[in-house]
Protein backbone atom coordinates (compact mmCIF):
# COMPACT_ATOMS: atom_id res chain seq x y z
CA MET A 1 80.17 86.58 150.35
CA GLY A 2 82.68 83.85 150.91
CA ARG A 3 84.22 81.81 148.18
CA GLY A 4 81.87 79.22 146.73
CA MET A 5 78.80 80.80 148.36
CA ARG A 6 75.78 81.82 146.40
CA ALA A 7 73.32 84.46 147.43
CA GLY A 8 70.63 83.06 149.72
CA LYS A 9 72.52 79.83 150.42
CA LYS A 10 73.26 79.13 154.07
CA PRO A 11 76.59 77.67 155.12
CA LYS A 12 76.60 74.11 156.42
CA THR A 13 76.46 73.99 160.20
CA GLY A 14 77.27 70.35 160.78
CA GLY A 15 73.75 69.01 161.37
CA GLY A 16 75.20 65.72 162.58
CA SER A 17 76.75 67.39 165.60
CA MET A 18 73.36 68.82 166.58
CA GLN A 19 71.89 65.32 166.54
CA ALA A 20 74.77 64.05 168.64
CA GLN A 21 74.20 66.85 171.15
CA LEU A 22 70.49 66.04 171.30
CA LYS A 23 71.28 62.38 172.01
CA GLN A 24 73.69 63.44 174.78
CA VAL A 25 71.04 65.66 176.35
CA GLN A 26 68.45 62.87 176.16
CA ALA A 27 70.89 60.41 177.76
CA MET A 28 71.68 62.94 180.50
CA GLN A 29 67.95 63.45 181.10
CA ARG A 30 67.43 59.69 181.51
CA GLU A 31 70.36 59.48 183.93
CA MET A 32 68.97 62.39 185.95
CA GLU A 33 65.53 60.77 186.17
CA GLU A 34 67.10 57.51 187.37
CA ALA A 35 69.24 59.38 189.90
CA GLN A 36 66.23 61.30 191.23
CA ALA A 37 64.33 58.05 191.69
CA SER A 38 67.24 56.46 193.55
CA LEU A 39 67.76 59.59 195.68
CA GLY A 40 64.11 59.40 196.74
CA GLU A 41 64.85 56.01 198.28
CA LYS A 42 67.83 57.25 200.30
CA GLU A 43 67.48 58.55 203.84
CA ILE A 44 69.50 60.87 206.05
CA THR A 45 69.26 60.76 209.85
CA THR A 46 70.37 63.77 211.88
CA THR A 47 70.23 64.65 215.56
CA ALA A 48 70.14 67.71 217.77
CA GLY A 49 70.57 68.26 221.47
CA GLY A 50 73.16 65.53 221.83
CA GLY A 51 70.81 62.96 220.31
CA ALA A 52 67.72 64.05 222.25
CA VAL A 53 65.97 64.70 218.92
CA GLU A 54 66.51 62.45 215.91
CA VAL A 55 64.93 62.97 212.50
CA THR A 56 65.06 60.93 209.33
CA ILE A 57 64.45 62.63 205.99
CA ASN A 58 64.29 60.90 202.61
CA GLY A 59 65.72 62.13 199.31
CA ASN A 60 62.33 63.63 198.42
CA LYS A 61 62.73 65.94 201.42
CA GLU A 62 59.98 64.23 203.38
CA LEU A 63 60.27 63.78 207.13
CA VAL A 64 59.82 60.03 207.59
CA ALA A 65 60.75 59.55 211.24
CA LEU A 66 61.00 61.62 214.40
CA LYS A 67 62.32 60.29 217.72
CA LEU A 68 62.29 62.30 220.93
CA ASP A 69 64.12 61.39 224.10
CA LYS A 70 61.55 61.55 226.92
CA ASP A 71 63.91 63.75 228.95
CA VAL A 72 63.72 66.51 226.30
CA ILE A 73 59.94 66.79 226.62
CA ASP A 74 59.51 69.54 229.21
CA PRO A 75 55.98 71.00 229.41
CA GLU A 76 57.50 74.10 231.00
CA ASP A 77 59.85 74.71 228.06
CA PRO A 78 58.24 73.72 224.73
CA GLU A 79 60.39 76.27 222.88
CA MET A 80 63.54 74.25 223.55
CA LEU A 81 61.99 71.14 221.99
CA GLN A 82 60.75 73.17 219.03
CA ASP A 83 64.22 74.61 218.47
CA LEU A 84 65.83 71.17 218.62
CA ILE A 85 63.35 69.74 216.09
CA ILE A 86 63.92 72.69 213.75
CA ALA A 87 67.71 72.32 214.05
CA ALA A 88 67.61 68.59 213.30
CA VAL A 89 65.24 68.98 210.33
CA ASN A 90 67.25 71.87 208.85
CA GLU A 91 70.48 69.89 209.12
CA GLY A 92 68.82 66.91 207.43
CA MET A 93 67.56 69.10 204.60
CA ARG A 94 71.03 70.60 204.15
CA GLN A 95 72.55 67.13 203.91
CA ILE A 96 69.89 66.02 201.40
CA ASP A 97 70.64 69.11 199.27
CA GLU A 98 74.36 68.24 199.36
CA MET A 99 73.66 64.65 198.36
CA VAL A 100 71.43 65.73 195.44
CA GLU A 101 73.94 68.33 194.26
CA GLU A 102 76.78 65.81 194.34
CA GLN A 103 74.77 63.16 192.47
CA MET A 104 73.52 65.57 189.80
CA GLY A 105 76.99 67.11 189.45
CA ARG A 106 78.35 63.70 188.48
CA ILE A 107 75.74 63.43 185.75
CA THR A 108 75.90 66.96 184.38
CA GLY A 109 79.67 67.24 184.63
CA GLY A 110 79.38 70.48 186.55
CA LEU A 111 76.99 72.21 184.15
CA ASN A 112 74.92 74.74 186.01
CA ILE A 113 71.37 73.64 185.14
CA PRO A 114 68.65 75.70 186.83
CA GLY A 115 66.23 73.80 189.06
CA LEU A 116 68.70 71.15 190.21
């Protein structure tokens, strides 16, 4: 046993620092909730096929608008239109993910927190 320690007595662990850490985590949680709410209001617009397909996706990853150029609607080739829609939506989702990651990274200071 160390000097000044009695049997069964635990060393001091600096309880104040634990409280400070808890306050930091709570503040970070509030910031993250505010950021998520503001991200939900943001929108990303992407295109495919040289602008023939345009999609708008919000920060909640919801498709909120879809515009199709009438020239891209070919009843003989629906697969082309499907591919263009998929490409535009996937690009929008990728950009939303980037935006969320950047925003949350500012809050967490680069901590790797699962689920973000």
